[in-house]
Amino acid sequence: LDGAVHTAGQYAEMGRLRLGPAHGDALAFGRDVLAAAAD
């Protein structure tokens, strides 16, 4: 939302549904994606 990761969560592991909180590295990678492609 508005160029930032507003919320996140895990939804799969090894191709199978597995719900959980977002890993810190996933959030960091999301920020990298936004830095490159938010616009």
Full PDB file with SEQRES, HELIX, SHEET, SSBOND, CRYST1, ORIGX, SCALE, CONECT and MASTER records, all heavy atoms in Angstrom:
SEQRES   1 A   39  LEU ASP GLY ALA VAL HIS THR ALA GLY GLN TYR ALA GLU          
SEQRES   2 A   39  MET GLY ARG LEU ARG LEU GLY PRO ALA HIS GLY ASP ALA          
SEQRES   3 A   39  LEU ALA PHE GLY ARG ASP VAL LEU ALA ALA ALA ALA ASP          
HELIX    1 AA1 GLY A   24  ALA A   37  1                                  14    
SHEET    1 AA1 2 GLN A  10  GLU A  13  0                                        
SHEET    2 AA1 2 ARG A  16  GLY A  20 -1                                        
CRYST1    1.000    1.000    1.000  90.00  90.00  90.00 P 1           1          
ORIGX1      1.000000  0.000000  0.000000        0.00000                         
ORIGX2      0.000000  1.000000  0.000000        0.00000                         
ORIGX3      0.000000  0.000000  1.000000        0.00000                         
SCALE1      1.000000  0.000000  0.000000        0.00000                         
SCALE2      0.000000  1.000000  0.000000        0.00000                         
SCALE3      0.000000  0.000000  1.000000        0.00000                         
ATOM      1  N   LEU A   1       0.851  -1.191   0.000  1.00  0.00           N  
ATOM      2  CA  LEU A   1       0.000   0.000   0.000  1.00  0.00           C  
ATOM      3  C   LEU A   1       0.880   1.233   0.000  1.00  0.00           C  
ATOM      4  O   LEU A   1       1.767   1.372   0.852  1.00  0.00           O  
ATOM      5  CB  LEU A   1      -0.915   0.002   1.229  1.00  0.00           C  
ATOM      6  CG  LEU A   1      -1.956   1.117   1.315  1.00  0.00           C  
ATOM      7  CD1 LEU A   1      -2.982   0.998   0.195  1.00  0.00           C  
ATOM      8  CD2 LEU A   1      -2.660   1.109   2.677  1.00  0.00           C  
ATOM      9  N   ASP A   2       0.667   2.091  -0.973  1.00  0.00           N  
ATOM     10  CA  ASP A   2       1.413   3.348  -1.082  1.00  0.00           C  
ATOM     11  C   ASP A   2       2.928   3.129  -1.030  1.00  0.00           C  
ATOM     12  O   ASP A   2       3.657   3.832  -0.320  1.00  0.00           O  
ATOM     13  CB  ASP A   2       0.987   4.323   0.020  1.00  0.00           C  
ATOM     14  CG  ASP A   2      -0.438   4.829  -0.183  1.00  0.00           C  
ATOM     15  OD1 ASP A   2      -0.867   4.949  -1.345  1.00  0.00           O  
ATOM     16  OD2 ASP A   2      -1.126   5.087   0.831  1.00  0.00           O  
ATOM     17  N   GLY A   3       3.392   2.128  -1.766  1.00  0.00           N  
ATOM     18  CA  GLY A   3       4.830   1.912  -1.903  1.00  0.00           C  
ATOM     19  C   GLY A   3       5.516   1.296  -0.708  1.00  0.00           C  
ATOM     20  O   GLY A   3       6.743   1.381  -0.590  1.00  0.00           O  
ATOM     21  N   ALA A   4       4.751   0.644   0.179  1.00  0.00           N  
ATOM     22  CA  ALA A   4       5.341  -0.005   1.350  1.00  0.00           C  
ATOM     23  C   ALA A   4       4.658  -1.345   1.590  1.00  0.00           C  
ATOM     24  O   ALA A   4       3.527  -1.566   1.157  1.00  0.00           O  
ATOM     25  CB  ALA A   4       5.208   0.883   2.587  1.00  0.00           C  
ATOM     26  N   VAL A   5       5.360  -2.244   2.284  1.00  0.00           N  
ATOM     27  CA  VAL A   5       4.750  -3.511   2.691  1.00  0.00           C  
ATOM     28  C   VAL A   5       3.839  -3.213   3.870  1.00  0.00           C  
ATOM     29  O   VAL A   5       4.303  -2.882   4.960  1.00  0.00           O  
ATOM     30  CB  VAL A   5       5.819  -4.548   3.080  1.00  0.00           C  
ATOM     31  CG1 VAL A   5       5.146  -5.849   3.515  1.00  0.00           C  
ATOM     32  CG2 VAL A   5       6.768  -4.819   1.913  1.00  0.00           C  
ATOM     33  N   HIS A   6       2.528  -3.317   3.656  1.00  0.00           N  
ATOM     34  CA  HIS A   6       1.552  -2.928   4.671  1.00  0.00           C  
ATOM     35  C   HIS A   6       1.282  -4.070   5.654  1.00  0.00           C  
ATOM     36  O   HIS A   6       1.073  -3.845   6.840  1.00  0.00           O  
ATOM     37  CB  HIS A   6       0.257  -2.491   3.982  1.00  0.00           C  
ATOM     38  CG  HIS A   6      -0.647  -1.674   4.840  1.00  0.00           C  
ATOM     39  ND1 HIS A   6      -0.262  -0.504   5.457  1.00  0.00           N  
ATOM     40  CD2 HIS A   6      -1.962  -1.853   5.182  1.00  0.00           C  
ATOM     41  CE1 HIS A   6      -1.268  -0.003   6.133  1.00  0.00           C  
ATOM     42  NE2 HIS A   6      -2.311  -0.798   5.991  1.00  0.00           N  
ATOM     43  N   THR A   7       1.264  -5.294   5.152  1.00  0.00           N  
ATOM     44  CA  THR A   7       1.153  -6.491   5.983  1.00  0.00           C  
ATOM     45  C   THR A   7       1.561  -7.671   5.113  1.00  0.00           C  
ATOM     46  O   THR A   7       1.689  -7.544   3.893  1.00  0.00           O  
ATOM     47  CB  THR A   7      -0.265  -6.682   6.553  1.00  0.00           C  
ATOM     48  OG1 THR A   7      -0.263  -7.785   7.474  1.00  0.00           O  
ATOM     49  CG2 THR A   7      -1.277  -6.968   5.466  1.00  0.00           C  
ATOM     50  N   ALA A   8       1.793  -8.830   5.749  1.00  0.00           N  
ATOM     51  CA  ALA A   8       2.290  -9.980   4.986  1.00  0.00           C  
ATOM     52  C   ALA A   8       2.101 -11.252   5.799  1.00  0.00           C  
ATOM     53  O   ALA A   8       1.844 -11.219   7.010  1.00  0.00           O  
ATOM     54  CB  ALA A   8       3.774  -9.793   4.648  1.00  0.00           C  
ATOM     55  N   GLY A   9       2.236 -12.387   5.117  1.00  0.00           N  
ATOM     56  CA  GLY A   9       2.153 -13.676   5.793  1.00  0.00           C  
ATOM     57  C   GLY A   9       2.604 -14.793   4.874  1.00  0.00           C  
ATOM     58  O   GLY A   9       2.618 -14.643   3.644  1.00  0.00           O  
ATOM     59  N   GLN A  10       2.995 -15.904   5.470  1.00  0.00           N  
ATOM     60  CA  GLN A  10       3.363 -17.081   4.679  1.00  0.00           C  
ATOM     61  C   GLN A  10       2.104 -17.837   4.283  1.00  0.00           C  
ATOM     62  O   GLN A  10       1.145 -17.921   5.051  1.00  0.00           O  
ATOM     63  CB  GLN A  10       4.261 -18.014   5.494  1.00  0.00           C  
ATOM     64  CG  GLN A  10       4.670 -19.276   4.750  1.00  0.00           C  
ATOM     65  CD  GLN A  10       5.623 -20.153   5.541  1.00  0.00           C  
ATOM     66  OE1 GLN A  10       6.555 -19.663   6.164  1.00  0.00           O  
ATOM     67  NE2 GLN A  10       5.392 -21.462   5.530  1.00  0.00           N  
ATOM     68  N   TYR A  11       2.120 -18.414   3.055  1.00  0.00           N  
ATOM     69  CA  TYR A  11       0.971 -19.206   2.632  1.00  0.00           C  
ATOM     70  C   TYR A  11       1.329 -20.591   2.121  1.00  0.00           C  
ATOM     71  O   TYR A  11       0.442 -21.426   1.939  1.00  0.00           O  
ATOM     72  CB  TYR A  11       0.151 -18.464   1.565  1.00  0.00           C  
ATOM     73  CG  TYR A  11       0.851 -18.232   0.249  1.00  0.00           C  
ATOM     74  CD1 TYR A  11       0.795 -19.182  -0.779  1.00  0.00           C  
ATOM     75  CD2 TYR A  11       1.553 -17.056   0.015  1.00  0.00           C  
ATOM     76  CE1 TYR A  11       1.429 -18.968  -1.993  1.00  0.00           C  
ATOM     77  CE2 TYR A  11       2.176 -16.830  -1.194  1.00  0.00           C  
ATOM     78  CZ  TYR A  11       2.120 -17.785  -2.193  1.00  0.00           C  
ATOM     79  OH  TYR A  11       2.749 -17.563  -3.399  1.00  0.00           O  
ATOM     80  N   ALA A  12       2.608 -20.865   1.884  1.00  0.00           N  
ATOM     81  CA  ALA A  12       2.952 -22.193   1.367  1.00  0.00           C  
ATOM     82  C   ALA A  12       4.367 -22.578   1.754  1.00  0.00           C  
ATOM     83  O   ALA A  12       5.234 -21.716   2.001  1.00  0.00           O  
ATOM     84  CB  ALA A  12       2.803 -22.242  -0.150  1.00  0.00           C  
ATOM     85  N   GLU A  13       4.584 -23.888   1.802  1.00  0.00           N  
ATOM     86  CA  GLU A  13       5.910 -24.452   2.043  1.00  0.00           C  
ATOM     87  C   GLU A  13       6.042 -25.710   1.195  1.00  0.00           C  
ATOM     88  O   GLU A  13       5.185 -26.595   1.259  1.00  0.00           O  
ATOM     89  CB  GLU A  13       6.090 -24.772   3.531  1.00  0.00           C  
ATOM     90  CG  GLU A  13       7.490 -25.209   3.909  1.00  0.00           C  
ATOM     91  CD  GLU A  13       7.630 -25.348   5.417  1.00  0.00           C  
ATOM     92  OE1 GLU A  13       7.876 -24.321   6.089  1.00  0.00           O  
ATOM     93  OE2 GLU A  13       7.469 -26.478   5.917  1.00  0.00           O  
ATOM     94  N   MET A  14       7.063 -25.752   0.367  1.00  0.00           N  
ATOM     95  CA  MET A  14       7.287 -26.875  -0.547  1.00  0.00           C  
ATOM     96  C   MET A  14       6.043 -27.193  -1.381  1.00  0.00           C  
ATOM     97  O   MET A  14       5.678 -28.344  -1.586  1.00  0.00           O  
ATOM     98  CB  MET A  14       7.748 -28.111   0.223  1.00  0.00           C  
ATOM     99  CG  MET A  14       9.061 -27.925   0.962  1.00  0.00           C  
ATOM    100  SD  MET A  14      10.420 -27.326  -0.088  1.00  0.00           S  
ATOM    101  CE  MET A  14      10.591 -28.693  -1.247  1.00  0.00           C  
ATOM    102  N   GLY A  15       5.381 -26.130  -1.830  1.00  0.00           N  
ATOM    103  CA  GLY A  15       4.232 -26.297  -2.694  1.00  0.00           C  
ATOM    104  C   GLY A  15       2.935 -26.657  -2.005  1.00  0.00           C  
ATOM    105  O   GLY A  15       1.902 -26.805  -2.674  1.00  0.00           O  
ATOM    106  N   ARG A  16       2.945 -26.784  -0.691  1.00  0.00           N  
ATOM    107  CA  ARG A  16       1.739 -27.129   0.057  1.00  0.00           C  
ATOM    108  C   ARG A  16       1.307 -25.963   0.941  1.00  0.00           C  
ATOM    109  O   ARG A  16       2.137 -25.204   1.429  1.00  0.00           O  
ATOM    110  CB  ARG A  16       1.973 -28.365   0.930  1.00  0.00           C  
ATOM    111  CG  ARG A  16       2.274 -29.634   0.140  1.00  0.00           C  
ATOM    112  CD  ARG A  16       2.561 -30.785   1.096  1.00  0.00           C  
ATOM    113  NE  ARG A  16       2.840 -32.025   0.385  1.00  0.00           N  
ATOM    114  CZ  ARG A  16       1.920 -32.896   0.007  1.00  0.00           C  
ATOM    115  NH1 ARG A  16       0.643 -32.656   0.294  1.00  0.00           N  
ATOM    116  NH2 ARG A  16       2.243 -33.994  -0.642  1.00  0.00           N  
ATOM    117  N   LEU A  17       0.000 -25.840   1.139  1.00  0.00           N  
ATOM    118  CA  LEU A  17      -0.521 -24.771   1.979  1.00  0.00           C  
ATOM    119  C   LEU A  17       0.064 -24.873   3.382  1.00  0.00           C  
ATOM    120  O   LEU A  17      -0.031 -25.914   4.034  1.00  0.00           O  
ATOM    121  CB  LEU A  17      -2.045 -24.852   2.039  1.00  0.00           C  
ATOM    122  CG  LEU A  17      -2.742 -23.740   2.832  1.00  0.00           C  
ATOM    123  CD1 LEU A  17      -2.594 -22.402   2.116  1.00  0.00           C  
ATOM    124  CD2 LEU A  17      -4.221 -24.065   3.024  1.00  0.00           C  
ATOM    125  N   ARG A  18       0.675 -23.816   3.824  1.00  0.00           N  
ATOM    126  CA  ARG A  18       1.207 -23.746   5.191  1.00  0.00           C  
ATOM    127  C   ARG A  18       1.185 -22.278   5.610  1.00  0.00           C  
ATOM    128  O   ARG A  18       1.965 -21.465   5.108  1.00  0.00           O  
ATOM    129  CB  ARG A  18       2.614 -24.316   5.289  1.00  0.00           C  
ATOM    130  CG  ARG A  18       3.135 -24.362   6.736  1.00  0.00           C  
ATOM    131  CD  ARG A  18       4.507 -24.993   6.809  1.00  0.00           C  
ATOM    132  NE  ARG A  18       5.017 -25.041   8.160  1.00  0.00           N  
ATOM    133  CZ  ARG A  18       4.776 -26.006   9.047  1.00  0.00           C  
ATOM    134  NH1 ARG A  18       3.995 -27.023   8.686  1.00  0.00           N  
ATOM    135  NH2 ARG A  18       5.274 -25.984  10.258  1.00  0.00           N  
ATOM    136  N   LEU A  19       0.290 -21.957   6.519  1.00  0.00           N  
ATOM    137  CA  LEU A  19       0.099 -20.575   6.932  1.00  0.00           C  
ATOM    138  C   LEU A  19       0.989 -20.233   8.108  1.00  0.00           C  
ATOM    139  O   LEU A  19       1.247 -21.075   8.980  1.00  0.00           O  
ATOM    140  CB  LEU A  19      -1.362 -20.341   7.302  1.00  0.00           C  
ATOM    141  CG  LEU A  19      -2.405 -20.706   6.238  1.00  0.00           C  
ATOM    142  CD1 LEU A  19      -3.791 -20.340   6.717  1.00  0.00           C  
ATOM    143  CD2 LEU A  19      -2.088 -20.035   4.916  1.00  0.00           C  
ATOM    144  N   GLY A  20       1.455 -19.002   8.128  1.00  0.00           N  
ATOM    145  CA  GLY A  20       2.292 -18.563   9.234  1.00  0.00           C  
ATOM    146  C   GLY A  20       2.643 -17.096   9.070  1.00  0.00           C  
ATOM    147  O   GLY A  20       2.232 -16.427   8.108  1.00  0.00           O  
ATOM    148  N   PRO A  21       3.414 -16.573  10.002  1.00  0.00           N  
ATOM    149  CA  PRO A  21       3.822 -15.163   9.923  1.00  0.00           C  
ATOM    150  C   PRO A  21       4.844 -14.959   8.810  1.00  0.00           C  
ATOM    151  O   PRO A  21       5.449 -15.913   8.311  1.00  0.00           O  
ATOM    152  CB  PRO A  21       4.429 -14.900  11.299  1.00  0.00           C  
ATOM    153  CG  PRO A  21       4.937 -16.246  11.734  1.00  0.00           C  
ATOM    154  CD  PRO A  21       3.938 -17.245  11.214  1.00  0.00           C  
ATOM    155  N   ALA A  22       5.029 -13.720   8.444  1.00  0.00           N  
ATOM    156  CA  ALA A  22       6.008 -13.395   7.405  1.00  0.00           C  
ATOM    157  C   ALA A  22       7.419 -13.465   7.954  1.00  0.00           C  
ATOM    158  O   ALA A  22       7.710 -12.957   9.042  1.00  0.00           O  
ATOM    159  CB  ALA A  22       5.733 -12.005   6.852  1.00  0.00           C  
ATOM    160  N   HIS A  23       8.317 -14.120   7.233  1.00  0.00           N  
ATOM    161  CA  HIS A  23       9.728 -14.180   7.587  1.00  0.00           C  
ATOM    162  C   HIS A  23      10.349 -12.807   7.368  1.00  0.00           C  
ATOM    163  O   HIS A  23      10.026 -12.100   6.416  1.00  0.00           O  
ATOM    164  CB  HIS A  23      10.412 -15.226   6.713  1.00  0.00           C  
ATOM    165  CG  HIS A  23      11.784 -15.605   7.167  1.00  0.00           C  
ATOM    166  ND1 HIS A  23      12.880 -14.797   6.943  1.00  0.00           N  
ATOM    167  CD2 HIS A  23      12.238 -16.698   7.819  1.00  0.00           C  
ATOM    168  CE1 HIS A  23      13.960 -15.389   7.435  1.00  0.00           C  
ATOM    169  NE2 HIS A  23      13.597 -16.541   7.973  1.00  0.00           N  
ATOM    170  N   GLY A  24      11.253 -12.427   8.253  1.00  0.00           N  
ATOM    171  CA  GLY A  24      11.897 -11.121   8.125  1.00  0.00           C  
ATOM    172  C   GLY A  24      12.593 -10.929   6.795  1.00  0.00           C  
ATOM    173  O   GLY A  24      12.596  -9.822   6.223  1.00  0.00           O  
ATOM    174  N   ASP A  25      13.183 -12.000   6.260  1.00  0.00           N  
ATOM    175  CA  ASP A  25      13.867 -11.891   4.971  1.00  0.00           C  
ATOM    176  C   ASP A  25      12.873 -11.658   3.836  1.00  0.00           C  
ATOM    177  O   ASP A  25      13.202 -11.004   2.839  1.00  0.00           O  
ATOM    178  CB  ASP A  25      14.684 -13.150   4.701  1.00  0.00           C  
ATOM    179  CG  ASP A  25      15.925 -13.250   5.582  1.00  0.00           C  
ATOM    180  OD1 ASP A  25      16.279 -12.233   6.211  1.00  0.00           O  
ATOM    181  OD2 ASP A  25      16.529 -14.333   5.647  1.00  0.00           O  
ATOM    182  N   ALA A  26      11.662 -12.184   3.978  1.00  0.00           N  
ATOM    183  CA  ALA A  26      10.629 -11.940   2.964  1.00  0.00           C  
ATOM    184  C   ALA A  26      10.258 -10.462   2.944  1.00  0.00           C  
ATOM    185  O   ALA A  26      10.066  -9.866   1.875  1.00  0.00           O  
ATOM    186  CB  ALA A  26       9.401 -12.801   3.241  1.00  0.00           C  
ATOM    187  N   LEU A  27      10.140  -9.871   4.114  1.00  0.00           N  
ATOM    188  CA  LEU A  27       9.824  -8.445   4.194  1.00  0.00           C  
ATOM    189  C   LEU A  27      10.952  -7.605   3.616  1.00  0.00           C  
ATOM    190  O   LEU A  27      10.711  -6.622   2.895  1.00  0.00           O  
ATOM    191  CB  LEU A  27       9.562  -8.053   5.644  1.00  0.00           C  
ATOM    192  CG  LEU A  27       8.408  -8.783   6.345  1.00  0.00           C  
ATOM    193  CD1 LEU A  27       8.309  -8.346   7.802  1.00  0.00           C  
ATOM    194  CD2 LEU A  27       7.093  -8.525   5.626  1.00  0.00           C  
ATOM    195  N   ALA A  28      12.189  -8.000   3.903  1.00  0.00           N  
ATOM    196  CA  ALA A  28      13.338  -7.265   3.377  1.00  0.00           C  
ATOM    197  C   ALA A  28      13.382  -7.360   1.859  1.00  0.00           C  
ATOM    198  O   ALA A  28      13.650  -6.368   1.167  1.00  0.00           O  
ATOM    199  CB  ALA A  28      14.628  -7.806   3.984  1.00  0.00           C  
ATOM    200  N   PHE A  29      13.098  -8.551   1.325  1.00  0.00           N  
ATOM    201  CA  PHE A  29      13.087  -8.706  -0.127  1.00  0.00           C  
ATOM    202  C   PHE A  29      11.945  -7.886  -0.737  1.00  0.00           C  
ATOM    203  O   PHE A  29      12.102  -7.295  -1.809  1.00  0.00           O  
ATOM    204  CB  PHE A  29      12.954 -10.175  -0.514  1.00  0.00           C  
ATOM    205  CG  PHE A  29      12.937 -10.408  -1.999  1.00  0.00           C  
ATOM    206  CD1 PHE A  29      14.068 -10.156  -2.763  1.00  0.00           C  
ATOM    207  CD2 PHE A  29      11.794 -10.862  -2.639  1.00  0.00           C  
ATOM    208  CE1 PHE A  29      14.058 -10.347  -4.135  1.00  0.00           C  
ATOM    209  CE2 PHE A  29      11.776 -11.063  -4.011  1.00  0.00           C  
ATOM    210  CZ  PHE A  29      12.914 -10.803  -4.762  1.00  0.00           C  
ATOM    211  N   GLY A  30      10.812  -7.840  -0.063  1.00  0.00           N  
ATOM    212  CA  GLY A  30       9.707  -7.020  -0.540  1.00  0.00           C  
ATOM    213  C   GLY A  30      10.105  -5.556  -0.657  1.00  0.00           C  
ATOM    214  O   GLY A  30       9.728  -4.878  -1.623  1.00  0.00           O  
ATOM    215  N   ARG A  31      10.878  -5.087   0.289  1.00  0.00           N  
ATOM    216  CA  ARG A  31      11.352  -3.696   0.215  1.00  0.00           C  
ATOM    217  C   ARG A  31      12.305  -3.514  -0.959  1.00  0.00           C  
ATOM    218  O   ARG A  31      12.306  -2.458  -1.615  1.00  0.00           O  
ATOM    219  CB  ARG A  31      12.009  -3.300   1.539  1.00  0.00           C  
ATOM    220  CG  ARG A  31      11.005  -3.170   2.701  1.00  0.00           C  
ATOM    221  CD  ARG A  31      11.641  -2.541   3.935  1.00  0.00           C  
ATOM    222  NE  ARG A  31      12.554  -3.448   4.610  1.00  0.00           N  
ATOM    223  CZ  ARG A  31      12.202  -4.300   5.566  1.00  0.00           C  
ATOM    224  NH1 ARG A  31      10.923  -4.375   5.945  1.00  0.00           N  
ATOM    225  NH2 ARG A  31      13.095  -5.080   6.155  1.00  0.00           N  
ATOM    226  N   ASP A  32      13.115  -4.537  -1.254  1.00  0.00           N  
ATOM    227  CA  ASP A  32      14.003  -4.467  -2.424  1.00  0.00           C  
ATOM    228  C   ASP A  32      13.180  -4.377  -3.713  1.00  0.00           C  
ATOM    229  O   ASP A  32      13.518  -3.621  -4.629  1.00  0.00           O  
ATOM    230  CB  ASP A  32      14.901  -5.700  -2.485  1.00  0.00           C  
ATOM    231  CG  ASP A  32      15.954  -5.732  -1.380  1.00  0.00           C  
ATOM    232  OD1 ASP A  32      16.202  -4.665  -0.772  1.00  0.00           O  
ATOM    233  OD2 ASP A  32      16.514  -6.808  -1.139  1.00  0.00           O  
ATOM    234  N   VAL A  33      12.109  -5.174  -3.781  1.00  0.00           N  
ATOM    235  CA  VAL A  33      11.236  -5.149  -4.964  1.00  0.00           C  
ATOM    236  C   VAL A  33      10.628  -3.761  -5.134  1.00  0.00           C  
ATOM    237  O   VAL A  33      10.595  -3.209  -6.243  1.00  0.00           O  
ATOM    238  CB  VAL A  33      10.134  -6.221  -4.854  1.00  0.00           C  
ATOM    239  CG1 VAL A  33       9.135  -6.083  -6.004  1.00  0.00           C  
ATOM    240  CG2 VAL A  33      10.740  -7.618  -4.834  1.00  0.00           C  
ATOM    241  N   LEU A  34      10.154  -3.183  -4.045  1.00  0.00           N  
ATOM    242  CA  LEU A  34       9.538  -1.857  -4.122  1.00  0.00           C  
ATOM    243  C   LEU A  34      10.558  -0.792  -4.503  1.00  0.00           C  
ATOM    244  O   LEU A  34      10.236   0.137  -5.250  1.00  0.00           O  
ATOM    245  CB  LEU A  34       8.881  -1.520  -2.785  1.00  0.00           C  
ATOM    246  CG  LEU A  34       7.567  -2.255  -2.523  1.00  0.00           C  
ATOM    247  CD1 LEU A  34       7.153  -2.099  -1.062  1.00  0.00           C  
ATOM    248  CD2 LEU A  34       6.471  -1.743  -3.444  1.00  0.00           C  
ATOM    249  N   ALA A  35      11.774  -0.931  -4.009  1.00  0.00           N  
ATOM    250  CA  ALA A  35      12.806   0.042  -4.363  1.00  0.00           C  
ATOM    251  C   ALA A  35      13.068   0.038  -5.861  1.00  0.00           C  
ATOM    252  O   ALA A  35      13.362   1.083  -6.461  1.00  0.00           O  
ATOM    253  CB  ALA A  35      14.099  -0.267  -3.599  1.00  0.00           C  
ATOM    254  N   ALA A  36      12.923  -1.137  -6.476  1.00  0.00           N  
ATOM    255  CA  ALA A  36      13.201  -1.262  -7.906  1.00  0.00           C  
ATOM    256  C   ALA A  36      11.974  -1.026  -8.779  1.00  0.00           C  
ATOM    257  O   ALA A  36      12.116  -0.611  -9.935  1.00  0.00           O  
ATOM    258  CB  ALA A  36      13.773  -2.650  -8.203  1.00  0.00           C  
ATOM    259  N   ALA A  37      10.776  -1.308  -8.242  1.00  0.00           N  
ATOM    260  CA  ALA A  37       9.616  -1.362  -9.131  1.00  0.00           C  
ATOM    261  C   ALA A  37       8.339  -0.764  -8.562  1.00  0.00           C  
ATOM    262  O   ALA A  37       7.265  -1.008  -9.112  1.00  0.00           O  
ATOM    263  CB  ALA A  37       9.362  -2.815  -9.531  1.00  0.00           C  
ATOM    264  N   ALA A  38       8.397   0.002  -7.501  1.00  0.00           N  
ATOM    265  CA  ALA A  38       7.175   0.542  -6.900  1.00  0.00           C  
ATOM    266  C   ALA A  38       6.377   1.385  -7.884  1.00  0.00           C  
ATOM    267  O   ALA A  38       5.139   1.353  -7.883  1.00  0.00           O  
ATOM    268  CB  ALA A  38       7.511   1.365  -5.660  1.00  0.00           C  
ATOM    269  N   ASP A  39       7.079   2.138  -8.753  1.00  0.00           N  
ATOM    270  CA  ASP A  39       6.363   3.024  -9.667  1.00  0.00           C  
ATOM    271  C   ASP A  39       5.710   2.287 -10.827  1.00  0.00           C  
ATOM    272  O   ASP A  39       5.010   2.901 -11.637  1.00  0.00           O  
ATOM    273  CB  ASP A  39       7.295   4.114 -10.193  1.00  0.00           C  
ATOM    274  CG  ASP A  39       8.484   3.565 -10.966  1.00  0.00           C  
ATOM    275  OD1 ASP A  39       8.654   2.326 -11.010  1.00  0.00           O  
ATOM    276  OD2 ASP A  39       9.263   4.374 -11.514  1.00  0.00           O  
TER     277      ASP A  39                                                      
MASTER        0    0    0    1    2    0    0    6  276    1    0    3          
END                                                                             
